Amino acid sequence: MTRMNANVTTQQYMFGPKLLVTPVTLPYVTEWDVYLPKMDASNGTREWTYWWTNETYAGGQMVAVPTPLEWIPVFHLGGRDELLRGNVF
């Protein structure tokens, strides 16, 4: 984390080593800025995938993602099927 993204990252958290959650904390927004941390190769992948659209992003950058009311911004490392089977670590 750097000073440039410090305000953004106070609103997001890692849920285990593979899930990044960024709650939307303002009303009436349709997209949300998220800082994606740069990960090392020990996690098997360096790309983050947005849960709802399956779009991938490199770490180490800010991205704006769509956030309709029913979507909480969640990003994952690795395959979604693996996470749904319970392999979150």
PDB file of N, CA and C in Angstrom:
ATOM      1  N   MET A   1       0.848  -1.174   0.000  1.00  0.00           N
ATOM      2  CA  MET A   1       0.000   0.000   0.000  1.00  0.00           C
ATOM      3  C   MET A   1       0.893   1.236   0.000  1.00  0.00           C
ATOM      4  N   THR A   2       0.498   2.223  -0.744  1.00  0.00           N
ATOM      5  CA  THR A   2       1.245   3.472  -0.779  1.00  0.00           C
ATOM      6  C   THR A   2       0.352   4.597  -0.275  1.00  0.00           C
ATOM      7  N   ARG A   3       0.943   5.740  -0.050  1.00  0.00           N
ATOM      8  CA  ARG A   3       0.169   6.887   0.408  1.00  0.00           C
ATOM      9  C   ARG A   3      -0.927   7.246  -0.594  1.00  0.00           C
ATOM     10  N   MET A   4      -0.652   7.054  -1.885  1.00  0.00           N
ATOM     11  CA  MET A   4      -1.621   7.400  -2.924  1.00  0.00           C
ATOM     12  C   MET A   4      -2.919   6.588  -2.792  1.00  0.00           C
ATOM     13  N   ASN A   5      -2.834   5.327  -2.383  1.00  0.00           N
ATOM     14  CA  ASN A   5      -4.038   4.512  -2.301  1.00  0.00           C
ATOM     15  C   ASN A   5      -4.480   4.234  -0.867  1.00  0.00           C
ATOM     16  N   ALA A   6      -3.912   4.915   0.115  1.00  0.00           N
ATOM     17  CA  ALA A   6      -4.224   4.647   1.518  1.00  0.00           C
ATOM     18  C   ALA A   6      -5.696   4.872   1.844  1.00  0.00           C
ATOM     19  N   ASN A   7      -6.321   5.914   1.320  1.00  0.00           N
ATOM     20  CA  ASN A   7      -7.730   6.167   1.624  1.00  0.00           C
ATOM     21  C   ASN A   7      -8.637   5.095   1.045  1.00  0.00           C
ATOM     22  N   VAL A   8      -8.318   4.582  -0.108  1.00  0.00           N
ATOM     23  CA  VAL A   8      -9.140   3.557  -0.743  1.00  0.00           C
ATOM     24  C   VAL A   8      -9.023   2.237  -0.001  1.00  0.00           C
ATOM     25  N   THR A   9      -7.829   1.867   0.401  1.00  0.00           N
ATOM     26  CA  THR A   9      -7.624   0.550   0.988  1.00  0.00           C
ATOM     27  C   THR A   9      -8.155   0.425   2.400  1.00  0.00           C
ATOM     28  N   THR A  10      -8.538   1.501   3.050  1.00  0.00           N
ATOM     29  CA  THR A  10      -9.154   1.374   4.371  1.00  0.00           C
ATOM     30  C   THR A  10     -10.558   0.797   4.264  1.00  0.00           C
ATOM     31  N   GLN A  11     -11.142   0.792   3.087  1.00  0.00           N
ATOM     32  CA  GLN A  11     -12.494   0.287   2.887  1.00  0.00           C
ATOM     33  C   GLN A  11     -12.517  -1.128   2.313  1.00  0.00           C
ATOM     34  N   GLN A  12     -11.379  -1.764   2.168  1.00  0.00           N
ATOM     35  CA  GLN A  12     -11.357  -3.104   1.586  1.00  0.00           C
ATOM     36  C   GLN A  12     -10.525  -4.023   2.457  1.00  0.00           C
ATOM     37  N   TYR A  13     -10.733  -5.338   2.300  1.00  0.00           N
ATOM     38  CA  TYR A  13     -10.018  -6.300   3.126  1.00  0.00           C
ATOM     39  C   TYR A  13      -9.874  -7.625   2.388  1.00  0.00           C
ATOM     40  N   MET A  14      -8.875  -8.382   2.797  1.00  0.00           N
ATOM     41  CA  MET A  14      -8.678  -9.734   2.286  1.00  0.00           C
ATOM     42  C   MET A  14      -9.499 -10.683   3.149  1.00  0.00           C
ATOM     43  N   PHE A  15     -10.245 -11.571   2.506  1.00  0.00           N
ATOM     44  CA  PHE A  15     -10.990 -12.619   3.191  1.00  0.00           C
ATOM     45  C   PHE A  15     -10.256 -13.920   2.882  1.00  0.00           C
ATOM     46  N   GLY A  16      -9.226 -14.194   3.673  1.00  0.00           N
ATOM     47  CA  GLY A  16      -8.314 -15.284   3.355  1.00  0.00           C
ATOM     48  C   GLY A  16      -7.303 -14.807   2.328  1.00  0.00           C
ATOM     49  N   PRO A  17      -6.473 -15.705   1.808  1.00  0.00           N
ATOM     50  CA  PRO A  17      -5.423 -15.288   0.879  1.00  0.00           C
ATOM     51  C   PRO A  17      -5.865 -15.131  -0.569  1.00  0.00           C
ATOM     52  N   LYS A  18      -7.121 -15.488  -0.909  1.00  0.00           N
ATOM     53  CA  LYS A  18      -7.529 -15.478  -2.312  1.00  0.00           C
ATOM     54  C   LYS A  18      -8.697 -14.555  -2.639  1.00  0.00           C
ATOM     55  N   LEU A  19      -9.344 -13.966  -1.638  1.00  0.00           N
ATOM     56  CA  LEU A  19     -10.509 -13.112  -1.891  1.00  0.00           C
ATOM     57  C   LEU A  19     -10.266 -11.702  -1.381  1.00  0.00           C
ATOM     58  N   LEU A  20     -10.572 -10.724  -2.206  1.00  0.00           N
ATOM     59  CA  LEU A  20     -10.492  -9.314  -1.841  1.00  0.00           C
ATOM     60  C   LEU A  20     -11.902  -8.744  -1.897  1.00  0.00           C
ATOM     61  N   VAL A  21     -12.362  -8.182  -0.782  1.00  0.00           N
ATOM     62  CA  VAL A  21     -13.717  -7.647  -0.672  1.00  0.00           C
ATOM     63  C   VAL A  21     -13.632  -6.140  -0.485  1.00  0.00           C
ATOM     64  N   THR A  22     -14.449  -5.413  -1.229  1.00  0.00           N
ATOM     65  CA  THR A  22     -14.448  -3.953  -1.162  1.00  0.00           C
ATOM     66  C   THR A  22     -15.884  -3.455  -1.050  1.00  0.00           C
ATOM     67  N   PRO A  23     -16.405  -3.304   0.175  1.00  0.00           N
ATOM     68  CA  PRO A  23     -17.789  -2.861   0.315  1.00  0.00           C
ATOM     69  C   PRO A  23     -18.007  -1.460  -0.256  1.00  0.00           C
ATOM     70  N   VAL A  24     -19.151  -1.272  -0.866  1.00  0.00           N
ATOM     71  CA  VAL A  24     -19.556   0.052  -1.353  1.00  0.00           C
ATOM     72  C   VAL A  24     -20.163   0.784  -0.165  1.00  0.00           C
ATOM     73  N   THR A  25     -19.635   1.963   0.143  1.00  0.00           N
ATOM     74  CA  THR A  25     -20.052   2.673   1.348  1.00  0.00           C
ATOM     75  C   THR A  25     -20.778   3.985   1.065  1.00  0.00           C
ATOM     76  N   LEU A  26     -21.139   4.216  -0.185  1.00  0.00           N
ATOM     77  CA  LEU A  26     -21.883   5.417  -0.552  1.00  0.00           C
ATOM     78  C   LEU A  26     -23.147   5.018  -1.302  1.00  0.00           C
ATOM     79  N   PRO A  27     -24.223   5.778  -1.131  1.00  0.00           N
ATOM     80  CA  PRO A  27     -25.463   5.440  -1.848  1.00  0.00           C
ATOM     81  C   PRO A  27     -25.431   5.904  -3.306  1.00  0.00           C
ATOM     82  N   TYR A  28     -26.236   5.248  -4.110  1.00  0.00           N
ATOM     83  CA  TYR A  28     -26.508   5.672  -5.499  1.00  0.00           C
ATOM     84  C   TYR A  28     -25.286   5.673  -6.415  1.00  0.00           C
ATOM     85  N   VAL A  29     -24.338   4.786  -6.175  1.00  0.00           N
ATOM     86  CA  VAL A  29     -23.191   4.697  -7.080  1.00  0.00           C
ATOM     87  C   VAL A  29     -23.380   3.503  -8.014  1.00  0.00           C
ATOM     88  N   THR A  30     -22.845   3.614  -9.206  1.00  0.00           N
ATOM     89  CA  THR A  30     -22.956   2.519 -10.176  1.00  0.00           C
ATOM     90  C   THR A  30     -21.606   1.900 -10.512  1.00  0.00           C
ATOM     91  N   GLU A  31     -20.525   2.526 -10.047  1.00  0.00           N
ATOM     92  CA  GLU A  31     -19.200   1.917 -10.157  1.00  0.00           C
ATOM     93  C   GLU A  31     -18.384   2.322  -8.946  1.00  0.00           C
ATOM     94  N   TRP A  32     -17.345   1.538  -8.666  1.00  0.00           N
ATOM     95  CA  TRP A  32     -16.567   1.730  -7.448  1.00  0.00           C
ATOM     96  C   TRP A  32     -15.095   1.544  -7.758  1.00  0.00           C
ATOM     97  N   ASP A  33     -14.249   2.420  -7.199  1.00  0.00           N
ATOM     98  CA  ASP A  33     -12.804   2.310  -7.380  1.00  0.00           C
ATOM     99  C   ASP A  33     -12.224   1.325  -6.371  1.00  0.00           C
ATOM    100  N   VAL A  34     -11.376   0.450  -6.859  1.00  0.00           N
ATOM    101  CA  VAL A  34     -10.761  -0.588  -6.035  1.00  0.00           C
ATOM    102  C   VAL A  34      -9.264  -0.603  -6.312  1.00  0.00           C
ATOM    103  N   TYR A  35      -8.472  -0.698  -5.247  1.00  0.00           N
ATOM    104  CA  TYR A  35      -7.037  -0.907  -5.430  1.00  0.00           C
ATOM    105  C   TYR A  35      -6.767  -2.403  -5.362  1.00  0.00           C
ATOM    106  N   LEU A  36      -6.151  -2.943  -6.398  1.00  0.00           N
ATOM    107  CA  LEU A  36      -5.799  -4.359  -6.444  1.00  0.00           C
ATOM    108  C   LEU A  36      -4.325  -4.507  -6.091  1.00  0.00           C
ATOM    109  N   PRO A  37      -4.021  -5.140  -4.962  1.00  0.00           N
ATOM    110  CA  PRO A  37      -2.617  -5.278  -4.575  1.00  0.00           C
ATOM    111  C   PRO A  37      -1.837  -6.139  -5.559  1.00  0.00           C
ATOM    112  N   LYS A  38      -0.588  -5.831  -5.694  1.00  0.00           N
ATOM    113  CA  LYS A  38       0.296  -6.626  -6.551  1.00  0.00           C
ATOM    114  C   LYS A  38       0.712  -7.863  -5.757  1.00  0.00           C
ATOM    115  N   MET A  39       0.472  -9.021  -6.325  1.00  0.00           N
ATOM    116  CA  MET A  39       0.766 -10.271  -5.633  1.00  0.00           C
ATOM    117  C   MET A  39       2.015 -10.908  -6.230  1.00  0.00           C
ATOM    118  N   ASP A  40       2.711 -11.694  -5.407  1.00  0.00           N
ATOM    119  CA  ASP A  40       3.886 -12.398  -5.927  1.00  0.00           C
ATOM    120  C   ASP A  40       3.466 -13.741  -6.526  1.00  0.00           C
ATOM    121  N   ALA A  41       4.376 -14.383  -7.185  1.00  0.00           N
ATOM    122  CA  ALA A  41       4.070 -15.621  -7.913  1.00  0.00           C
ATOM    123  C   ALA A  41       3.773 -16.799  -6.994  1.00  0.00           C
ATOM    124  N   SER A  42       4.030 -16.689  -5.696  1.00  0.00           N
ATOM    125  CA  SER A  42       3.781 -17.816  -4.789  1.00  0.00           C
ATOM    126  C   SER A  42       2.300 -18.151  -4.680  1.00  0.00           C
ATOM    127  N   ASN A  43       1.418 -17.216  -5.040  1.00  0.00           N
ATOM    128  CA  ASN A  43      -0.021 -17.482  -5.019  1.00  0.00           C
ATOM    129  C   ASN A  43      -0.491 -18.226  -6.266  1.00  0.00           C
ATOM    130  N   GLY A  44       0.376 -18.465  -7.210  1.00  0.00           N
ATOM    131  CA  GLY A  44       0.012 -19.202  -8.411  1.00  0.00           C
ATOM    132  C   GLY A  44      -0.463 -18.316  -9.546  1.00  0.00           C
ATOM    133  N   THR A  45      -0.950 -17.150  -9.246  1.00  0.00           N
ATOM    134  CA  THR A  45      -1.402 -16.220 -10.279  1.00  0.00           C
ATOM    135  C   THR A  45      -1.179 -14.802  -9.788  1.00  0.00           C
ATOM    136  N   ARG A  46      -0.984 -13.899 -10.697  1.00  0.00           N
ATOM    137  CA  ARG A  46      -0.803 -12.495 -10.329  1.00  0.00           C
ATOM    138  C   ARG A  46      -2.007 -11.663 -10.724  1.00  0.00           C
ATOM    139  N   GLU A  47      -2.972 -12.267 -11.372  1.00  0.00           N
ATOM    140  CA  GLU A  47      -4.137 -11.513 -11.843  1.00  0.00           C
ATOM    141  C   GLU A  47      -5.326 -11.685 -10.907  1.00  0.00           C
ATOM    142  N   TRP A  48      -6.031 -10.585 -10.723  1.00  0.00           N
ATOM    143  CA  TRP A  48      -7.273 -10.588  -9.964  1.00  0.00           C
ATOM    144  C   TRP A  48      -8.431 -10.729 -10.945  1.00  0.00           C
ATOM    145  N   THR A  49      -9.460 -11.464 -10.556  1.00  0.00           N
ATOM    146  CA  THR A  49     -10.650 -11.633 -11.382  1.00  0.00           C
ATOM    147  C   THR A  49     -11.844 -11.072 -10.632  1.00  0.00           C
ATOM    148  N   TYR A  50     -12.601 -10.201 -11.288  1.00  0.00           N
ATOM    149  CA  TYR A  50     -13.808  -9.635 -10.685  1.00  0.00           C
ATOM    150  C   TYR A  50     -14.888 -10.712 -10.691  1.00  0.00           C
ATOM    151  N   TRP A  51     -15.421 -11.008  -9.519  1.00  0.00           N
ATOM    152  CA  TRP A  51     -16.351 -12.119  -9.340  1.00  0.00           C
ATOM    153  C   TRP A  51     -17.545 -12.050 -10.292  1.00  0.00           C
ATOM    154  N   TRP A  52     -18.101 -10.882 -10.474  1.00  0.00           N
ATOM    155  CA  TRP A  52     -19.379 -10.739 -11.176  1.00  0.00           C
ATOM    156  C   TRP A  52     -19.259 -10.722 -12.693  1.00  0.00           C
ATOM    157  N   THR A  53     -18.139 -10.266 -13.226  1.00  0.00           N
ATOM    158  CA  THR A  53     -18.001 -10.170 -14.683  1.00  0.00           C
ATOM    159  C   THR A  53     -16.949 -11.120 -15.244  1.00  0.00           C
ATOM    160  N   ASN A  54     -16.162 -11.715 -14.362  1.00  0.00           N
ATOM    161  CA  ASN A  54     -15.083 -12.620 -14.757  1.00  0.00           C
ATOM    162  C   ASN A  54     -13.973 -11.903 -15.535  1.00  0.00           C
ATOM    163  N   GLU A  55     -13.926 -10.592 -15.443  1.00  0.00           N
ATOM    164  CA  GLU A  55     -12.860  -9.812 -16.084  1.00  0.00           C
ATOM    165  C   GLU A  55     -11.610  -9.850 -15.206  1.00  0.00           C
ATOM    166  N   THR A  56     -10.445  -9.974 -15.838  1.00  0.00           N
ATOM    167  CA  THR A  56      -9.200 -10.055 -15.073  1.00  0.00           C
ATOM    168  C   THR A  56      -8.437  -8.735 -15.131  1.00  0.00           C
ATOM    169  N   TYR A  57      -7.691  -8.475 -14.047  1.00  0.00           N
ATOM    170  CA  TYR A  57      -6.915  -7.246 -13.905  1.00  0.00           C
ATOM    171  C   TYR A  57      -5.565  -7.584 -13.283  1.00  0.00           C
ATOM    172  N   ALA A  58      -4.546  -6.879 -13.693  1.00  0.00           N
ATOM    173  CA  ALA A  58      -3.231  -7.010 -13.062  1.00  0.00           C
ATOM    174  C   ALA A  58      -3.261  -6.325 -11.706  1.00  0.00           C
ATOM    175  N   GLY A  59      -2.465  -6.821 -10.785  1.00  0.00           N
ATOM    176  CA  GLY A  59      -2.354  -6.191  -9.480  1.00  0.00           C
ATOM    177  C   GLY A  59      -1.501  -4.935  -9.539  1.00  0.00           C
ATOM    178  N   GLY A  60      -1.539  -4.151  -8.467  1.00  0.00           N
ATOM    179  CA  GLY A  60      -0.744  -2.941  -8.389  1.00  0.00           C
ATOM    180  C   GLY A  60      -1.373  -1.745  -9.059  1.00  0.00           C
ATOM    181  N   GLN A  61      -2.699  -1.742  -9.195  1.00  0.00           N
ATOM    182  CA  GLN A  61      -3.369  -0.623  -9.862  1.00  0.00           C
ATOM    183  C   GLN A  61      -4.763  -0.390  -9.278  1.00  0.00           C
ATOM    184  N   MET A  62      -5.290   0.794  -9.576  1.00  0.00           N
ATOM    185  CA  MET A  62      -6.678   1.131  -9.249  1.00  0.00           C
ATOM    186  C   MET A  62      -7.535   0.766 -10.452  1.00  0.00           C
ATOM    187  N   VAL A  63      -8.709   0.187 -10.189  1.00  0.00           N
ATOM    188  CA  VAL A  63      -9.658  -0.110 -11.258  1.00  0.00           C
ATOM    189  C   VAL A  63     -11.040   0.354 -10.813  1.00  0.00           C
ATOM    190  N   ALA A  64     -11.859   0.729 -11.771  1.00  0.00           N
ATOM    191  CA  ALA A  64     -13.259   1.071 -11.505  1.00  0.00           C
ATOM    192  C   ALA A  64     -14.102  -0.082 -12.029  1.00  0.00           C
ATOM    193  N   VAL A  65     -14.963  -0.624 -11.166  1.00  0.00           N
ATOM    194  CA  VAL A  65     -15.782  -1.769 -11.556  1.00  0.00           C
ATOM    195  C   VAL A  65     -17.262  -1.423 -11.398  1.00  0.00           C
ATOM    196  N   PRO A  66     -18.123  -2.058 -12.203  1.00  0.00           N
ATOM    197  CA  PRO A  66     -19.555  -1.820 -12.064  1.00  0.00           C
ATOM    198  C   PRO A  66     -20.062  -2.365 -10.729  1.00  0.00           C
ATOM    199  N   THR A  67     -20.959  -1.609 -10.094  1.00  0.00           N
ATOM    200  CA  THR A  67     -21.497  -2.028  -8.799  1.00  0.00           C
ATOM    201  C   THR A  67     -22.991  -1.753  -8.707  1.00  0.00           C
ATOM    202  N   PRO A  68     -23.800  -2.535  -9.411  1.00  0.00           N
ATOM    203  CA  PRO A  68     -25.231  -2.397  -9.177  1.00  0.00           C
ATOM    204  C   PRO A  68     -25.540  -2.747  -7.719  1.00  0.00           C
ATOM    205  N   LEU A  69     -26.695  -2.387  -7.273  1.00  0.00           N
ATOM    206  CA  LEU A  69     -27.073  -2.539  -5.871  1.00  0.00           C
ATOM    207  C   LEU A  69     -26.845  -3.949  -5.337  1.00  0.00           C
ATOM    208  N   GLU A  70     -27.070  -4.956  -6.151  1.00  0.00           N
ATOM    209  CA  GLU A  70     -26.974  -6.342  -5.670  1.00  0.00           C
ATOM    210  C   GLU A  70     -25.555  -6.925  -5.722  1.00  0.00           C
ATOM    211  N   TRP A  71     -24.559  -6.169  -6.141  1.00  0.00           N
ATOM    212  CA  TRP A  71     -23.180  -6.657  -6.227  1.00  0.00           C
ATOM    213  C   TRP A  71     -22.292  -6.011  -5.175  1.00  0.00           C
ATOM    214  N   ILE A  72     -21.631  -6.814  -4.374  1.00  0.00           N
ATOM    215  CA  ILE A  72     -20.539  -6.345  -3.524  1.00  0.00           C
ATOM    216  C   ILE A  72     -19.256  -6.618  -4.304  1.00  0.00           C
ATOM    217  N   PRO A  73     -18.403  -5.633  -4.504  1.00  0.00           N
ATOM    218  CA  PRO A  73     -17.177  -5.891  -5.258  1.00  0.00           C
ATOM    219  C   PRO A  73     -16.293  -6.940  -4.568  1.00  0.00           C
ATOM    220  N   VAL A  74     -16.124  -8.062  -5.238  1.00  0.00           N
ATOM    221  CA  VAL A  74     -15.291  -9.164  -4.758  1.00  0.00           C
ATOM    222  C   VAL A  74     -14.369  -9.584  -5.898  1.00  0.00           C
ATOM    223  N   PHE A  75     -13.098  -9.707  -5.582  1.00  0.00           N
ATOM    224  CA  PHE A  75     -12.098 -10.170  -6.544  1.00  0.00           C
ATOM    225  C   PHE A  75     -11.469 -11.442  -6.004  1.00  0.00           C
ATOM    226  N   HIS A  76     -11.028 -12.305  -6.905  1.00  0.00           N
ATOM    227  CA  HIS A  76     -10.387 -13.538  -6.454  1.00  0.00           C
ATOM    228  C   HIS A  76      -9.132 -13.827  -7.256  1.00  0.00           C
ATOM    229  N   LEU A  77      -8.248 -14.565  -6.606  1.00  0.00           N
ATOM    230  CA  LEU A  77      -7.049 -15.101  -7.246  1.00  0.00           C
ATOM    231  C   LEU A  77      -7.310 -16.567  -7.536  1.00  0.00           C
ATOM    232  N   GLY A  78      -6.909 -17.038  -8.691  1.00  0.00           N
ATOM    233  CA  GLY A  78      -7.134 -18.434  -9.040  1.00  0.00           C
ATOM    234  C   GLY A  78      -8.537 -18.645  -9.583  1.00  0.00           C
ATOM    235  N   GLY A  79      -8.933 -19.910  -9.676  1.00  0.00           N
ATOM    236  CA  GLY A  79     -10.214 -20.251 -10.278  1.00  0.00           C
ATOM    237  C   GLY A  79     -11.393 -20.125  -9.328  1.00  0.00           C
ATOM    238  N   ARG A  80     -12.505 -19.628  -9.830  1.00  0.00           N
ATOM    239  CA  ARG A  80     -13.720 -19.475  -9.032  1.00  0.00           C
ATOM    240  C   ARG A  80     -14.279 -20.835  -8.617  1.00  0.00           C
ATOM    241  N   ASP A  81     -14.223 -21.823  -9.508  1.00  0.00           N
ATOM    242  CA  ASP A  81     -14.731 -23.157  -9.177  1.00  0.00           C
ATOM    243  C   ASP A  81     -13.999 -23.746  -7.979  1.00  0.00           C
ATOM    244  N   GLU A  82     -12.715 -23.513  -7.929  1.00  0.00           N
ATOM    245  CA  GLU A  82     -11.912 -23.988  -6.802  1.00  0.00           C
ATOM    246  C   GLU A  82     -12.390 -23.356  -5.496  1.00  0.00           C
ATOM    247  N   LEU A  83     -12.682 -22.072  -5.519  1.00  0.00           N
ATOM    248  CA  LEU A  83     -13.181 -21.384  -4.325  1.00  0.00           C
ATOM    249  C   LEU A  83     -14.553 -21.908  -3.919  1.00  0.00           C
ATOM    250  N   LEU A  84     -15.428 -22.143  -4.882  1.00  0.00           N
ATOM    251  CA  LEU A  84     -16.770 -22.636  -4.580  1.00  0.00           C
ATOM    252  C   LEU A  84     -16.746 -24.054  -4.006  1.00  0.00           C
ATOM    253  N   ARG A  85     -15.706 -24.804  -4.294  1.00  0.00           N
ATOM    254  CA  ARG A  85     -15.547 -26.142  -3.705  1.00  0.00           C
ATOM    255  C   ARG A  85     -14.976 -26.062  -2.290  1.00  0.00           C
ATOM    256  N   GLY A  86     -14.670 -24.867  -1.820  1.00  0.00           N
ATOM    257  CA  GLY A  86     -14.185 -24.695  -0.459  1.00  0.00           C
ATOM    258  C   GLY A  86     -12.686 -24.542  -0.328  1.00  0.00           C
ATOM    259  N   ASN A  87     -11.961 -24.546  -1.426  1.00  0.00           N
ATOM    260  CA  ASN A  87     -10.512 -24.392  -1.379  1.00  0.00           C
ATOM    261  C   ASN A  87     -10.162 -22.901  -1.367  1.00  0.00           C
ATOM    262  N   VAL A  88     -10.327 -22.280  -0.214  1.00  0.00           N
ATOM    263  CA  VAL A  88     -10.094 -20.838  -0.109  1.00  0.00           C
ATOM    264  C   VAL A  88      -8.698 -20.507   0.413  1.00  0.00           C
ATOM    265  N   PHE A  89      -7.932 -21.506   0.771  1.00  0.00           N
ATOM    266  CA  PHE A  89      -6.578 -21.279   1.268  1.00  0.00           C
ATOM    267  C   PHE A  89      -5.631 -21.944   0.354  1.00  0.00           C
TER     268      PHE A  89
END
